[in-house]
């Protein structure tokens, strides 16, 4: 498989949005390099004006790994996850794009499985899923697990997206597909993940899944709050009407 990566001519742009991830960003970068030794890739870090010194850590990482491998594309303030991905996409030079979180909830060890699945199937999108055999969640209490599962089941029932984990955000895309689908998305927050996979499914793109274990963040606090839950319900209603 390593030779296949070397000779396939593919380049992977890994977009990692950050906000106050000073304690996590160096480790996630190290693990990406560890697990993608024979893959051509770049890491695009879109930082939304973190006050904790995240950008200073990224600049140090650039000195270690090179500015051609670690791209810092900062924004002045928090502008939403959806627009962070769009911003990173503008700077992506790869023909494939990976979207993942910076807080270690998405372990880079799964990246080779995503790439292998895409090479084997020719899929336009490969998405990580917590809800098939081999997948799961670690570090959540029962209430949070039930809330997440309930949100996913509700979305499955109403939208029929054709994937088992609609609210996940660890994915690999053909760059051309992501550019086409993202242009029709209107969500800016966490609902963006749901909207993009639903619209891709409606457009008939080939989507494959890889089981992953989602691990609750090791350092820092979760950015998911009541406003995001309300936004999720509004987004679900919007997609029900428009897709």
C-alpha atoms as a PDB file:
ATOM      1  CA  UNK A   1       0.000   0.000   0.000  1.00  0.00           C
ATOM      2  CA  UNK A   2       2.880   2.350   0.721  1.00  0.00           C
ATOM      3  CA  UNK A   3       4.145   2.014  -2.836  1.00  0.00           C
ATOM      4  CA  UNK A   4       0.652   2.656  -4.079  1.00  0.00           C
ATOM      5  CA  UNK A   5       0.616   5.942  -2.186  1.00  0.00           C
ATOM      6  CA  UNK A   6       4.025   6.899  -3.533  1.00  0.00           C
ATOM      7  CA  UNK A   7       3.211   6.129  -7.137  1.00  0.00           C
ATOM      8  CA  UNK A   8      -0.427   7.139  -7.196  1.00  0.00           C
ATOM      9  CA  UNK A   9       0.343  10.798  -7.760  1.00  0.00           C
ATOM     10  CA  UNK A  10      -2.165  11.854  -5.115  1.00  0.00           C
ATOM     11  CA  UNK A  11      -1.653  14.682  -2.653  1.00  0.00           C
ATOM     12  CA  UNK A  12      -3.747  15.094   0.481  1.00  0.00           C
ATOM     13  CA  UNK A  13      -4.519  18.507   1.967  1.00  0.00           C
ATOM     14  CA  UNK A  14      -5.484  18.062   5.621  1.00  0.00           C
ATOM     15  CA  UNK A  15      -7.566  20.978   6.887  1.00  0.00           C
ATOM     16  CA  UNK A  16      -7.513  21.412  10.660  1.00  0.00           C
ATOM     17  CA  UNK A  17      -9.595  24.280  12.111  1.00  0.00           C
ATOM     18  CA  UNK A  18      -8.346  25.507  15.489  1.00  0.00           C
ATOM     19  CA  UNK A  19      -9.476  27.722  18.318  1.00  0.00           C
ATOM     20  CA  UNK A  20      -7.524  27.565  21.582  1.00  0.00           C
ATOM     21  CA  UNK A  21      -5.792  24.296  20.694  1.00  0.00           C
ATOM     22  CA  UNK A  22      -2.302  25.185  21.962  1.00  0.00           C
ATOM     23  CA  UNK A  23      -2.165  22.015  24.057  1.00  0.00           C
ATOM     24  CA  UNK A  24      -3.228  19.719  21.210  1.00  0.00           C
ATOM     25  CA  UNK A  25      -1.883  21.050  17.929  1.00  0.00           C
ATOM     26  CA  UNK A  26       1.729  19.840  18.236  1.00  0.00           C
ATOM     27  CA  UNK A  27       0.615  16.297  19.080  1.00  0.00           C
ATOM     28  CA  UNK A  28      -1.928  16.068  16.268  1.00  0.00           C
ATOM     29  CA  UNK A  29       0.703  17.274  13.777  1.00  0.00           C
ATOM     30  CA  UNK A  30       3.258  14.761  15.078  1.00  0.00           C
ATOM     31  CA  UNK A  31       0.733  11.919  14.774  1.00  0.00           C
ATOM     32  CA  UNK A  32      -0.235  12.894  11.223  1.00  0.00           C
ATOM     33  CA  UNK A  33       3.409  12.761  10.179  1.00  0.00           C
ATOM     34  CA  UNK A  34       3.852   9.469  12.029  1.00  0.00           C
ATOM     35  CA  UNK A  35       0.961   7.720  10.295  1.00  0.00           C
ATOM     36  CA  UNK A  36       1.440   9.168   6.798  1.00  0.00           C
ATOM     37  CA  UNK A  37       5.150   8.525   6.321  1.00  0.00           C
ATOM     38  CA  UNK A  38       4.891   7.597   2.638  1.00  0.00           C
ATOM     39  CA  UNK A  39       2.072   9.925   1.629  1.00  0.00           C
ATOM     40  CA  UNK A  40       2.335  13.319  -0.056  1.00  0.00           C
ATOM     41  CA  UNK A  41       0.390  15.700   2.168  1.00  0.00           C
ATOM     42  CA  UNK A  42       0.162  19.183   3.616  1.00  0.00           C
ATOM     43  CA  UNK A  43      -1.540  20.343   6.815  1.00  0.00           C
ATOM     44  CA  UNK A  44      -3.574  23.541   6.543  1.00  0.00           C
ATOM     45  CA  UNK A  45      -4.293  25.018   9.962  1.00  0.00           C
ATOM     46  CA  UNK A  46      -7.126  27.548   9.970  1.00  0.00           C
ATOM     47  CA  UNK A  47      -6.930  29.357  13.297  1.00  0.00           C
ATOM     48  CA  UNK A  48      -9.714  31.729  14.294  1.00  0.00           C
ATOM     49  CA  UNK A  49      -7.711  34.228  16.321  1.00  0.00           C
ATOM     50  CA  UNK A  50      -6.965  31.947  19.278  1.00  0.00           C
ATOM     51  CA  UNK A  51      -5.908  34.007  22.309  1.00  0.00           C
ATOM     52  CA  UNK A  52      -4.070  31.061  23.912  1.00  0.00           C
ATOM     53  CA  UNK A  53      -1.004  31.123  21.661  1.00  0.00           C
ATOM     54  CA  UNK A  54      -2.060  28.424  19.191  1.00  0.00           C
ATOM     55  CA  UNK A  55      -0.601  30.363  16.264  1.00  0.00           C
ATOM     56  CA  UNK A  56       2.767  30.743  17.981  1.00  0.00           C
ATOM     57  CA  UNK A  57       2.937  26.962  18.429  1.00  0.00           C
ATOM     58  CA  UNK A  58       2.055  26.450  14.755  1.00  0.00           C
ATOM     59  CA  UNK A  59       4.848  28.808  13.701  1.00  0.00           C
ATOM     60  CA  UNK A  60       7.276  26.731  15.761  1.00  0.00           C
ATOM     61  CA  UNK A  61       5.987  23.599  14.038  1.00  0.00           C
ATOM     62  CA  UNK A  62       6.633  25.251  10.685  1.00  0.00           C
ATOM     63  CA  UNK A  63      10.275  25.616  11.675  1.00  0.00           C
ATOM     64  CA  UNK A  64      10.427  21.882  12.407  1.00  0.00           C
ATOM     65  CA  UNK A  65       8.440  20.440   9.500  1.00  0.00           C
ATOM     66  CA  UNK A  66       8.661  23.237   6.917  1.00  0.00           C
ATOM     67  CA  UNK A  67       6.249  25.935   5.813  1.00  0.00           C
ATOM     68  CA  UNK A  68       5.444  23.903   2.716  1.00  0.00           C
ATOM     69  CA  UNK A  69       4.093  21.071   4.913  1.00  0.00           C
ATOM     70  CA  UNK A  70       2.459  23.180   7.653  1.00  0.00           C
ATOM     71  CA  UNK A  71       0.393  26.074   6.317  1.00  0.00           C
ATOM     72  CA  UNK A  72      -1.022  28.579   8.793  1.00  0.00           C
ATOM     73  CA  UNK A  73      -4.013  30.377   7.325  1.00  0.00           C
ATOM     74  CA  UNK A  74      -5.306  32.445  10.229  1.00  0.00           C
ATOM     75  CA  UNK A  75      -8.481  34.480  10.513  1.00  0.00           C
ATOM     76  CA  UNK A  76      -9.064  37.388  12.923  1.00  0.00           C
ATOM     77  CA  UNK A  77     -11.930  35.836  14.913  1.00  0.00           C
ATOM     78  CA  UNK A  78     -14.309  32.896  15.210  1.00  0.00           C
ATOM     79  CA  UNK A  79     -16.300  32.735  11.989  1.00  0.00           C
ATOM     80  CA  UNK A  80     -17.723  29.213  12.081  1.00  0.00           C
ATOM     81  CA  UNK A  81     -16.574  25.734  11.098  1.00  0.00           C
ATOM     82  CA  UNK A  82     -18.137  25.744   7.641  1.00  0.00           C
ATOM     83  CA  UNK A  83     -16.339  28.918   6.601  1.00  0.00           C
ATOM     84  CA  UNK A  84     -13.112  27.600   8.152  1.00  0.00           C
ATOM     85  CA  UNK A  85     -13.233  24.631   5.792  1.00  0.00           C
ATOM     86  CA  UNK A  86     -13.992  26.898   2.837  1.00  0.00           C
ATOM     87  CA  UNK A  87     -11.067  29.113   3.810  1.00  0.00           C
ATOM     88  CA  UNK A  88      -8.705  26.155   4.071  1.00  0.00           C
ATOM     89  CA  UNK A  89      -9.957  24.730   0.789  1.00  0.00           C
ATOM     90  CA  UNK A  90      -8.895  27.887  -1.033  1.00  0.00           C
ATOM     91  CA  UNK A  91      -5.306  27.180  -0.023  1.00  0.00           C
ATOM     92  CA  UNK A  92      -5.330  23.418  -0.682  1.00  0.00           C
ATOM     93  CA  UNK A  93      -2.927  22.188  -3.362  1.00  0.00           C
ATOM     94  CA  UNK A  94      -3.855  18.504  -3.078  1.00  0.00           C
ATOM     95  CA  UNK A  95      -6.349  16.621  -5.229  1.00  0.00           C
ATOM     96  CA  UNK A  96      -7.818  15.132  -2.041  1.00  0.00           C
ATOM     97  CA  UNK A  97      -8.885  16.979   1.093  1.00  0.00           C
ATOM     98  CA  UNK A  98      -9.144  15.591   4.625  1.00  0.00           C
ATOM     99  CA  UNK A  99     -11.155  17.403   7.276  1.00  0.00           C
ATOM    100  CA  UNK A 100     -10.431  16.556  10.903  1.00  0.00           C
ATOM    101  CA  UNK A 101     -10.552  18.089  14.370  1.00  0.00           C
ATOM    102  CA  UNK A 102      -7.482  19.383  16.183  1.00  0.00           C
ATOM    103  CA  UNK A 103      -8.453  18.107  19.639  1.00  0.00           C
ATOM    104  CA  UNK A 104      -7.346  14.470  19.094  1.00  0.00           C
ATOM    105  CA  UNK A 105     -10.930  13.208  18.973  1.00  0.00           C
ATOM    106  CA  UNK A 106     -10.078  12.154  15.396  1.00  0.00           C
ATOM    107  CA  UNK A 107      -6.968  10.003  15.640  1.00  0.00           C
ATOM    108  CA  UNK A 108      -4.610  10.246  12.642  1.00  0.00           C
ATOM    109  CA  UNK A 109      -4.060   6.483  12.836  1.00  0.00           C
ATOM    110  CA  UNK A 110      -7.251   6.114  10.790  1.00  0.00           C
ATOM    111  CA  UNK A 111      -5.962   8.199   7.871  1.00  0.00           C
ATOM    112  CA  UNK A 112      -4.274   5.248   6.103  1.00  0.00           C
ATOM    113  CA  UNK A 113      -7.602   3.363   6.254  1.00  0.00           C
ATOM    114  CA  UNK A 114      -9.407   6.317   4.687  1.00  0.00           C
ATOM    115  CA  UNK A 115      -6.838   6.512   1.893  1.00  0.00           C
ATOM    116  CA  UNK A 116      -6.868   2.743   1.331  1.00  0.00           C
ATOM    117  CA  UNK A 117     -10.678   2.677   1.152  1.00  0.00           C
ATOM    118  CA  UNK A 118     -10.705   5.479  -1.406  1.00  0.00           C
ATOM    119  CA  UNK A 119      -8.024   3.818  -3.539  1.00  0.00           C
ATOM    120  CA  UNK A 120      -9.875   0.494  -3.475  1.00  0.00           C
ATOM    121  CA  UNK A 121     -13.344   1.870  -4.232  1.00  0.00           C
ATOM    122  CA  UNK A 122     -12.778   5.116  -6.112  1.00  0.00           C
ATOM    123  CA  UNK A 123     -15.158   6.824  -3.674  1.00  0.00           C
ATOM    124  CA  UNK A 124     -15.708  10.566  -3.858  1.00  0.00           C
ATOM    125  CA  UNK A 125     -16.024  10.740  -0.065  1.00  0.00           C
ATOM    126  CA  UNK A 126     -14.802   8.478   2.727  1.00  0.00           C
ATOM    127  CA  UNK A 127     -16.337   9.259   6.093  1.00  0.00           C
ATOM    128  CA  UNK A 128     -15.495   7.941   9.525  1.00  0.00           C
ATOM    129  CA  UNK A 129     -18.363   6.372  11.416  1.00  0.00           C
ATOM    130  CA  UNK A 130     -18.915   5.599  15.085  1.00  0.00           C
ATOM    131  CA  UNK A 131     -22.026   3.557  14.427  1.00  0.00           C
ATOM    132  CA  UNK A 132     -20.903   0.381  12.651  1.00  0.00           C
ATOM    133  CA  UNK A 133     -18.968  -2.669  13.878  1.00  0.00           C
ATOM    134  CA  UNK A 134     -15.494  -1.591  14.884  1.00  0.00           C
ATOM    135  CA  UNK A 135     -16.531   1.996  15.589  1.00  0.00           C
ATOM    136  CA  UNK A 136     -17.449   3.659  18.854  1.00  0.00           C
ATOM    137  CA  UNK A 137     -17.052   6.513  21.305  1.00  0.00           C
ATOM    138  CA  UNK A 138     -14.632   6.744  24.216  1.00  0.00           C
ATOM    139  CA  UNK A 139     -14.764   9.224  27.081  1.00  0.00           C
ATOM    140  CA  UNK A 140     -18.407  10.305  26.875  1.00  0.00           C
ATOM    141  CA  UNK A 141     -20.904   9.842  29.689  1.00  0.00           C
ATOM    142  CA  UNK A 142     -24.151   8.014  29.042  1.00  0.00           C
ATOM    143  CA  UNK A 143     -26.190  11.199  28.573  1.00  0.00           C
ATOM    144  CA  UNK A 144     -23.858  12.570  25.912  1.00  0.00           C
ATOM    145  CA  UNK A 145     -23.808   9.225  24.109  1.00  0.00           C
ATOM    146  CA  UNK A 146     -27.604   9.117  24.123  1.00  0.00           C
ATOM    147  CA  UNK A 147     -27.833  12.722  22.920  1.00  0.00           C
ATOM    148  CA  UNK A 148     -25.427  12.097  20.051  1.00  0.00           C
ATOM    149  CA  UNK A 149     -27.062   8.844  19.076  1.00  0.00           C
ATOM    150  CA  UNK A 150     -30.511  10.414  19.279  1.00  0.00           C
ATOM    151  CA  UNK A 151     -29.453  13.320  17.079  1.00  0.00           C
ATOM    152  CA  UNK A 152     -28.060  10.902  14.531  1.00  0.00           C
ATOM    153  CA  UNK A 153     -31.150   8.679  14.541  1.00  0.00           C
ATOM    154  CA  UNK A 154     -33.419  11.718  14.181  1.00  0.00           C
ATOM    155  CA  UNK A 155     -31.419  12.933  11.202  1.00  0.00           C
ATOM    156  CA  UNK A 156     -31.348   9.435   9.672  1.00  0.00           C
ATOM    157  CA  UNK A 157     -35.119   9.110  10.006  1.00  0.00           C
ATOM    158  CA  UNK A 158     -35.891  12.486   8.466  1.00  0.00           C
ATOM    159  CA  UNK A 159     -33.179  12.822   5.823  1.00  0.00           C
ATOM    160  CA  UNK A 160     -32.170   9.283   4.742  1.00  0.00           C
ATOM    161  CA  UNK A 161     -28.616  10.352   3.893  1.00  0.00           C
ATOM    162  CA  UNK A 162     -27.234   6.913   3.046  1.00  0.00           C
ATOM    163  CA  UNK A 163     -24.493   7.009   5.710  1.00  0.00           C
ATOM    164  CA  UNK A 164     -24.572   5.657   9.252  1.00  0.00           C
ATOM    165  CA  UNK A 165     -22.912   8.630  11.001  1.00  0.00           C
ATOM    166  CA  UNK A 166     -24.418  11.847   9.719  1.00  0.00           C
ATOM    167  CA  UNK A 167     -23.032  14.109  12.429  1.00  0.00           C
ATOM    168  CA  UNK A 168     -19.417  12.934  12.210  1.00  0.00           C
ATOM    169  CA  UNK A 169     -16.778  15.271  10.843  1.00  0.00           C
ATOM    170  CA  UNK A 170     -13.742  13.089  10.072  1.00  0.00           C
ATOM    171  CA  UNK A 171     -13.772  12.731   6.288  1.00  0.00           C
ATOM    172  CA  UNK A 172     -11.729  12.472   3.110  1.00  0.00           C
ATOM    173  CA  UNK A 173     -13.018  14.146  -0.058  1.00  0.00           C
ATOM    174  CA  UNK A 174     -12.001  14.393  -3.648  1.00  0.00           C
ATOM    175  CA  UNK A 175     -11.138  18.068  -3.791  1.00  0.00           C
ATOM    176  CA  UNK A 176     -13.304  18.698  -6.862  1.00  0.00           C
ATOM    177  CA  UNK A 177     -16.293  17.091  -5.137  1.00  0.00           C
ATOM    178  CA  UNK A 178     -15.843  19.103  -1.957  1.00  0.00           C
ATOM    179  CA  UNK A 179     -15.570  22.330  -3.951  1.00  0.00           C
ATOM    180  CA  UNK A 180     -18.751  21.527  -5.845  1.00  0.00           C
ATOM    181  CA  UNK A 181     -20.800  20.481  -2.811  1.00  0.00           C
ATOM    182  CA  UNK A 182     -19.536  23.164  -0.435  1.00  0.00           C
ATOM    183  CA  UNK A 183     -20.658  25.867  -2.859  1.00  0.00           C
ATOM    184  CA  UNK A 184     -24.289  24.869  -2.226  1.00  0.00           C
ATOM    185  CA  UNK A 185     -23.997  24.713   1.580  1.00  0.00           C
ATOM    186  CA  UNK A 186     -25.239  27.566   3.749  1.00  0.00           C
ATOM    187  CA  UNK A 187     -24.445  26.305   7.262  1.00  0.00           C
ATOM    188  CA  UNK A 188     -21.514  27.851   9.108  1.00  0.00           C
ATOM    189  CA  UNK A 189     -21.383  25.882  12.362  1.00  0.00           C
ATOM    190  CA  UNK A 190     -21.543  22.243  13.359  1.00  0.00           C
ATOM    191  CA  UNK A 191     -24.552  21.696  11.088  1.00  0.00           C
ATOM    192  CA  UNK A 192     -22.163  22.083   8.141  1.00  0.00           C
ATOM    193  CA  UNK A 193     -20.985  18.490   8.592  1.00  0.00           C
ATOM    194  CA  UNK A 194     -24.512  17.213   8.266  1.00  0.00           C
ATOM    195  CA  UNK A 195     -25.439  19.470   5.371  1.00  0.00           C
ATOM    196  CA  UNK A 196     -22.449  18.608   3.213  1.00  0.00           C
ATOM    197  CA  UNK A 197     -22.899  14.838   3.467  1.00  0.00           C
ATOM    198  CA  UNK A 198     -26.657  15.083   2.803  1.00  0.00           C
ATOM    199  CA  UNK A 199     -26.132  17.264  -0.263  1.00  0.00           C
ATOM    200  CA  UNK A 200     -23.355  14.983  -1.534  1.00  0.00           C
ATOM    201  CA  UNK A 201     -25.655  11.983  -1.143  1.00  0.00           C
ATOM    202  CA  UNK A 202     -28.496  13.753  -2.948  1.00  0.00           C
ATOM    203  CA  UNK A 203     -26.128  14.555  -5.815  1.00  0.00           C
ATOM    204  CA  UNK A 204     -25.324  10.870  -6.149  1.00  0.00           C
ATOM    205  CA  UNK A 205     -21.672  10.921  -5.129  1.00  0.00           C
ATOM    206  CA  UNK A 206     -20.082   7.625  -4.126  1.00  0.00           C
ATOM    207  CA  UNK A 207     -19.643   7.614  -0.334  1.00  0.00           C
ATOM    208  CA  UNK A 208     -17.791   4.931   1.645  1.00  0.00           C
ATOM    209  CA  UNK A 209     -17.415   4.513   5.407  1.00  0.00           C
ATOM    210  CA  UNK A 210     -14.563   3.496   7.705  1.00  0.00           C
ATOM    211  CA  UNK A 211     -15.210   2.589  11.367  1.00  0.00           C
ATOM    212  CA  UNK A 212     -13.495   4.909  13.850  1.00  0.00           C
ATOM    213  CA  UNK A 213     -13.467   5.356  17.599  1.00  0.00           C
ATOM    214  CA  UNK A 214     -14.194   8.937  18.563  1.00  0.00           C
ATOM    215  CA  UNK A 215     -12.216   9.946  21.653  1.00  0.00           C
ATOM    216  CA  UNK A 216     -13.313  12.897  23.778  1.00  0.00           C
ATOM    217  CA  UNK A 217     -10.803  15.745  23.756  1.00  0.00           C
ATOM    218  CA  UNK A 218      -7.764  15.268  25.985  1.00  0.00           C
ATOM    219  CA  UNK A 219      -6.973  18.936  26.638  1.00  0.00           C
ATOM    220  CA  UNK A 220      -9.170  22.040  26.648  1.00  0.00           C
ATOM    221  CA  UNK A 221     -12.916  22.386  26.826  1.00  0.00           C
ATOM    222  CA  UNK A 222     -15.598  21.362  24.379  1.00  0.00           C
ATOM    223  CA  UNK A 223     -16.975  24.089  22.153  1.00  0.00           C
ATOM    224  CA  UNK A 224     -20.353  22.391  21.775  1.00  0.00           C
ATOM    225  CA  UNK A 225     -23.025  24.137  23.799  1.00  0.00           C
ATOM    226  CA  UNK A 226     -26.722  24.933  23.900  1.00  0.00           C
ATOM    227  CA  UNK A 227     -26.561  27.308  20.954  1.00  0.00           C
ATOM    228  CA  UNK A 228     -25.013  24.561  18.794  1.00  0.00           C
ATOM    229  CA  UNK A 229     -27.794  22.141  19.772  1.00  0.00           C
ATOM    230  CA  UNK A 230     -30.430  24.702  18.802  1.00  0.00           C
ATOM    231  CA  UNK A 231     -28.528  25.328  15.591  1.00  0.00           C
ATOM    232  CA  UNK A 232     -28.490  21.605  14.879  1.00  0.00           C
ATOM    233  CA  UNK A 233     -32.280  21.373  15.163  1.00  0.00           C
ATOM    234  CA  UNK A 234     -32.722  24.426  12.937  1.00  0.00           C
ATOM    235  CA  UNK A 235     -30.306  22.970  10.419  1.00  0.00           C
ATOM    236  CA  UNK A 236     -32.144  19.664  10.425  1.00  0.00           C
ATOM    237  CA  UNK A 237     -35.412  21.462   9.660  1.00  0.00           C
ATOM    238  CA  UNK A 238     -33.715  23.459   6.888  1.00  0.00           C
ATOM    239  CA  UNK A 239     -32.292  20.361   5.221  1.00  0.00           C
ATOM    240  CA  UNK A 240     -35.629  18.578   5.500  1.00  0.00           C
ATOM    241  CA  UNK A 241     -37.190  21.385   3.475  1.00  0.00           C
ATOM    242  CA  UNK A 242     -34.428  22.056   0.966  1.00  0.00           C
ATOM    243  CA  UNK A 243     -32.990  18.630   0.064  1.00  0.00           C
END
